[in-house]
Amino acid sequence: MRIYLAIMLFSFATPAHSGIADWCVEEYKAGNKKGGDHWAEAILKGGRTFDRREAKTAEECIKIHTGEEHTYIPSSKEFISTSNMQKNIEAEEAIQKSIKALEQRQAERELAVMKKLADSCERLYERDEITAITNQLCYQYFFSTGLPAN
């Protein structure tokens, strides 16, 4: 019975949404910049899980602290600034562009090698069919493309 009473008294003594984000905003609203900054830095360290309401409150707190919009990323439990999100998007786009360019150059090299191989195997086949067919690379080439027409 005493425990139940203590829990009930404690629940009435604390705000309905008491948490680090609420404390942060309350400190700033009360004019306590140092206290608000303390909680904002704690939030920015990451590692905490916030529900949707708490995340919005924490985003408000961080905006007061940094002057910049932030978004909560639940999967990483971090707040990322809008400017950093844009930088990350731009970096990802640049990486994808580089990968495509590398893949294109590799495809061009493979095509050039395949053309040389095809030409070499067909010339060898014209000179000596047995040698061409028993050559491992030419065998694979002829197996996939068929023998040249005589």
C-alpha atoms as a PDB file:
ATOM      1  CA  MET A   1       0.000   0.000   0.000  1.00  0.00           C
ATOM      2  CA  ARG A   2       2.832   2.395   0.843  1.00  0.00           C
ATOM      3  CA  ILE A   3       4.526   1.726  -2.498  1.00  0.00           C
ATOM      4  CA  TYR A   4       1.274   2.386  -4.344  1.00  0.00           C
ATOM      5  CA  LEU A   5       0.848   5.678  -2.470  1.00  0.00           C
ATOM      6  CA  ALA A   6       4.412   6.710  -3.206  1.00  0.00           C
ATOM      7  CA  ILE A   7       3.941   5.982  -6.912  1.00  0.00           C
ATOM      8  CA  MET A   8       0.715   7.968  -7.001  1.00  0.00           C
ATOM      9  CA  LEU A   9       2.268  10.932  -5.197  1.00  0.00           C
ATOM     10  CA  PHE A  10       5.308  10.860  -7.470  1.00  0.00           C
ATOM     11  CA  SER A  11       3.167  10.755 -10.602  1.00  0.00           C
ATOM     12  CA  PHE A  12       1.242  13.860  -9.481  1.00  0.00           C
ATOM     13  CA  ALA A  13       4.440  15.679  -8.584  1.00  0.00           C
ATOM     14  CA  THR A  14       6.011  15.364 -12.038  1.00  0.00           C
ATOM     15  CA  PRO A  15       4.847  16.837 -15.346  1.00  0.00           C
ATOM     16  CA  ALA A  16       2.945  14.507 -17.659  1.00  0.00           C
ATOM     17  CA  HIS A  17       5.733  14.530 -20.276  1.00  0.00           C
ATOM     18  CA  SER A  18       8.855  14.802 -18.210  1.00  0.00           C
ATOM     19  CA  GLY A  19      12.009  13.923 -20.102  1.00  0.00           C
ATOM     20  CA  ILE A  20      15.278  15.329 -21.325  1.00  0.00           C
ATOM     21  CA  ALA A  21      13.721  17.154 -24.289  1.00  0.00           C
ATOM     22  CA  ASP A  22      11.042  18.723 -22.095  1.00  0.00           C
ATOM     23  CA  TRP A  23      13.631  19.750 -19.522  1.00  0.00           C
ATOM     24  CA  CYS A  24      15.694  21.367 -22.242  1.00  0.00           C
ATOM     25  CA  VAL A  25      12.852  23.462 -23.640  1.00  0.00           C
ATOM     26  CA  GLU A  26      11.674  24.373 -20.122  1.00  0.00           C
ATOM     27  CA  GLU A  27      15.172  25.617 -19.240  1.00  0.00           C
ATOM     28  CA  TYR A  28      15.319  27.812 -22.333  1.00  0.00           C
ATOM     29  CA  LYS A  29      11.786  29.149 -21.746  1.00  0.00           C
ATOM     30  CA  ALA A  30      12.743  29.962 -18.149  1.00  0.00           C
ATOM     31  CA  GLY A  31      15.707  31.961 -19.475  1.00  0.00           C
ATOM     32  CA  ASN A  32      18.291  29.489 -18.237  1.00  0.00           C
ATOM     33  CA  LYS A  33      20.500  29.251 -21.325  1.00  0.00           C
ATOM     34  CA  LYS A  34      23.196  27.292 -19.487  1.00  0.00           C
ATOM     35  CA  GLY A  35      20.688  24.652 -18.355  1.00  0.00           C
ATOM     36  CA  GLY A  36      19.104  24.456 -21.810  1.00  0.00           C
ATOM     37  CA  ASP A  37      22.527  24.145 -23.444  1.00  0.00           C
ATOM     38  CA  HIS A  38      23.398  21.321 -21.055  1.00  0.00           C
ATOM     39  CA  TRP A  39      20.315  19.307 -22.048  1.00  0.00           C
ATOM     40  CA  ALA A  40      20.701  20.155 -25.750  1.00  0.00           C
ATOM     41  CA  GLU A  41      24.281  18.844 -25.731  1.00  0.00           C
ATOM     42  CA  ALA A  42      23.107  15.685 -23.984  1.00  0.00           C
ATOM     43  CA  ILE A  43      20.461  15.184 -26.674  1.00  0.00           C
ATOM     44  CA  LEU A  44      22.976  15.797 -29.481  1.00  0.00           C
ATOM     45  CA  LYS A  45      25.306  13.117 -28.093  1.00  0.00           C
ATOM     46  CA  GLY A  46      22.750  10.593 -29.342  1.00  0.00           C
ATOM     47  CA  GLY A  47      21.995   7.113 -28.151  1.00  0.00           C
ATOM     48  CA  ARG A  48      18.537   7.888 -26.759  1.00  0.00           C
ATOM     49  CA  THR A  49      15.257   6.666 -28.162  1.00  0.00           C
ATOM     50  CA  PHE A  50      12.565   9.305 -28.582  1.00  0.00           C
ATOM     51  CA  ASP A  51       8.941   8.822 -29.495  1.00  0.00           C
ATOM     52  CA  ARG A  52       7.453  11.161 -32.095  1.00  0.00           C
ATOM     53  CA  ARG A  53       6.361  13.820 -29.597  1.00  0.00           C
ATOM     54  CA  GLU A  54       9.654  13.759 -27.704  1.00  0.00           C
ATOM     55  CA  ALA A  55      11.617  13.938 -30.947  1.00  0.00           C
ATOM     56  CA  LYS A  56       9.730  17.088 -32.015  1.00  0.00           C
ATOM     57  CA  THR A  57      10.392  18.653 -28.618  1.00  0.00           C
ATOM     58  CA  ALA A  58      14.062  17.670 -28.820  1.00  0.00           C
ATOM     59  CA  GLU A  59      14.270  19.146 -32.347  1.00  0.00           C
ATOM     60  CA  GLU A  60      12.856  22.401 -30.922  1.00  0.00           C
ATOM     61  CA  CYS A  61      15.450  22.359 -28.142  1.00  0.00           C
ATOM     62  CA  ILE A  62      18.317  21.716 -30.552  1.00  0.00           C
ATOM     63  CA  LYS A  63      17.131  24.499 -32.851  1.00  0.00           C
ATOM     64  CA  ILE A  64      17.221  26.931 -29.940  1.00  0.00           C
ATOM     65  CA  HIS A  65      20.715  25.680 -29.043  1.00  0.00           C
ATOM     66  CA  THR A  66      22.298  25.573 -32.522  1.00  0.00           C
ATOM     67  CA  GLY A  67      20.066  27.893 -34.526  1.00  0.00           C
ATOM     68  CA  GLU A  68      19.680  25.154 -37.125  1.00  0.00           C
ATOM     69  CA  GLU A  69      16.923  22.674 -37.960  1.00  0.00           C
ATOM     70  CA  HIS A  70      17.644  19.038 -37.021  1.00  0.00           C
ATOM     71  CA  THR A  71      15.771  15.829 -37.737  1.00  0.00           C
ATOM     72  CA  TYR A  72      15.664  12.786 -35.476  1.00  0.00           C
ATOM     73  CA  ILE A  73      16.770   9.558 -37.156  1.00  0.00           C
ATOM     74  CA  PRO A  74      15.282   6.714 -35.070  1.00  0.00           C
ATOM     75  CA  SER A  75      17.460   3.986 -36.608  1.00  0.00           C
ATOM     76  CA  SER A  76      20.674   5.689 -35.473  1.00  0.00           C
ATOM     77  CA  LYS A  77      19.145   7.457 -32.440  1.00  0.00           C
ATOM     78  CA  GLU A  78      20.745  10.708 -33.617  1.00  0.00           C
ATOM     79  CA  PHE A  79      19.682  14.178 -34.663  1.00  0.00           C
ATOM     80  CA  ILE A  80      21.101  15.293 -37.980  1.00  0.00           C
ATOM     81  CA  SER A  81      21.150  18.893 -39.085  1.00  0.00           C
ATOM     82  CA  THR A  82      19.351  19.790 -42.280  1.00  0.00           C
ATOM     83  CA  SER A  83      22.609  21.050 -43.794  1.00  0.00           C
ATOM     84  CA  ASN A  84      24.387  17.782 -42.955  1.00  0.00           C
ATOM     85  CA  MET A  85      21.500  15.796 -44.406  1.00  0.00           C
ATOM     86  CA  GLN A  86      21.849  17.770 -47.643  1.00  0.00           C
ATOM     87  CA  LYS A  87      25.619  17.237 -47.633  1.00  0.00           C
ATOM     88  CA  ASN A  88      25.072  13.497 -47.103  1.00  0.00           C
ATOM     89  CA  ILE A  89      22.596  13.379 -49.986  1.00  0.00           C
ATOM     90  CA  GLU A  90      25.008  15.250 -52.247  1.00  0.00           C
ATOM     91  CA  ALA A  91      27.890  12.988 -51.223  1.00  0.00           C
ATOM     92  CA  GLU A  92      25.780   9.889 -51.898  1.00  0.00           C
ATOM     93  CA  GLU A  93      24.828  11.250 -55.332  1.00  0.00           C
ATOM     94  CA  ALA A  94      28.502  11.939 -56.113  1.00  0.00           C
ATOM     95  CA  ILE A  95      29.446   8.422 -55.014  1.00  0.00           C
ATOM     96  CA  GLN A  96      26.703   6.890 -57.177  1.00  0.00           C
ATOM     97  CA  LYS A  97      27.865   8.988 -60.135  1.00  0.00           C
ATOM     98  CA  SER A  98      31.458   7.812 -59.614  1.00  0.00           C
ATOM     99  CA  ILE A  99      30.346   4.184 -59.350  1.00  0.00           C
ATOM    100  CA  LYS A 100      28.388   4.479 -62.604  1.00  0.00           C
ATOM    101  CA  ALA A 101      31.398   6.050 -64.330  1.00  0.00           C
ATOM    102  CA  LEU A 102      33.657   3.246 -63.078  1.00  0.00           C
ATOM    103  CA  GLU A 103      31.158   0.607 -64.183  1.00  0.00           C
ATOM    104  CA  GLN A 104      30.910   2.261 -67.608  1.00  0.00           C
ATOM    105  CA  ARG A 105      34.704   2.314 -68.033  1.00  0.00           C
ATOM    106  CA  GLN A 106      34.916  -1.315 -66.941  1.00  0.00           C
ATOM    107  CA  ALA A 107      32.187  -2.292 -69.415  1.00  0.00           C
ATOM    108  CA  GLU A 108      34.022  -0.438 -72.184  1.00  0.00           C
ATOM    109  CA  ARG A 109      37.288  -2.232 -71.316  1.00  0.00           C
ATOM    110  CA  GLU A 110      35.541  -5.605 -71.216  1.00  0.00           C
ATOM    111  CA  LEU A 111      33.951  -4.916 -74.590  1.00  0.00           C
ATOM    112  CA  ALA A 112      37.309  -3.912 -76.090  1.00  0.00           C
ATOM    113  CA  VAL A 113      38.934  -7.085 -74.742  1.00  0.00           C
ATOM    114  CA  MET A 114      36.053  -9.246 -75.983  1.00  0.00           C
ATOM    115  CA  LYS A 115      36.328  -7.717 -79.468  1.00  0.00           C
ATOM    116  CA  LYS A 116      40.082  -8.439 -79.556  1.00  0.00           C
ATOM    117  CA  LEU A 117      39.496 -11.964 -78.259  1.00  0.00           C
ATOM    118  CA  ALA A 118      36.779 -12.581 -80.843  1.00  0.00           C
ATOM    119  CA  ASP A 119      38.981 -11.269 -83.633  1.00  0.00           C
ATOM    120  CA  SER A 120      41.975 -13.328 -82.458  1.00  0.00           C
ATOM    121  CA  CYS A 121      39.963 -16.529 -82.057  1.00  0.00           C
ATOM    122  CA  GLU A 122      38.307 -16.144 -85.462  1.00  0.00           C
ATOM    123  CA  ARG A 123      41.674 -15.509 -87.166  1.00  0.00           C
ATOM    124  CA  LEU A 124      43.164 -18.514 -85.357  1.00  0.00           C
ATOM    125  CA  TYR A 125      40.168 -20.616 -86.421  1.00  0.00           C
ATOM    126  CA  GLU A 126      40.758 -19.616 -90.067  1.00  0.00           C
ATOM    127  CA  ARG A 127      44.413 -20.739 -89.818  1.00  0.00           C
ATOM    128  CA  ASP A 128      44.020 -23.806 -87.589  1.00  0.00           C
ATOM    129  CA  GLU A 129      40.583 -24.992 -86.453  1.00  0.00           C
ATOM    130  CA  ILE A 130      41.921 -27.628 -84.042  1.00  0.00           C
ATOM    131  CA  THR A 131      44.222 -25.191 -82.245  1.00  0.00           C
ATOM    132  CA  ALA A 132      41.452 -22.587 -82.012  1.00  0.00           C
ATOM    133  CA  ILE A 133      38.905 -25.054 -80.596  1.00  0.00           C
ATOM    134  CA  THR A 134      41.359 -26.514 -78.081  1.00  0.00           C
ATOM    135  CA  ASN A 135      42.473 -23.067 -76.900  1.00  0.00           C
ATOM    136  CA  GLN A 136      40.675 -22.537 -73.592  1.00  0.00           C
ATOM    137  CA  LEU A 137      39.697 -18.899 -74.213  1.00  0.00           C
ATOM    138  CA  CYS A 138      38.650 -19.517 -77.801  1.00  0.00           C
ATOM    139  CA  TYR A 139      36.708 -22.624 -76.749  1.00  0.00           C
ATOM    140  CA  GLN A 140      34.705 -20.520 -74.252  1.00  0.00           C
ATOM    141  CA  TYR A 141      34.164 -17.828 -76.864  1.00  0.00           C
ATOM    142  CA  PHE A 142      33.008 -20.301 -79.540  1.00  0.00           C
ATOM    143  CA  PHE A 143      30.898 -22.184 -77.014  1.00  0.00           C
ATOM    144  CA  SER A 144      28.934 -19.013 -76.239  1.00  0.00           C
ATOM    145  CA  THR A 145      28.806 -17.511 -79.767  1.00  0.00           C
ATOM    146  CA  GLY A 146      29.061 -20.525 -82.024  1.00  0.00           C
ATOM    147  CA  LEU A 147      31.702 -21.437 -84.580  1.00  0.00           C
ATOM    148  CA  PRO A 148      32.436 -18.961 -87.353  1.00  0.00           C
ATOM    149  CA  ALA A 149      30.816 -19.670 -90.701  1.00  0.00           C
ATOM    150  CA  ASN A 150      33.283 -20.913 -93.323  1.00  0.00           C
END
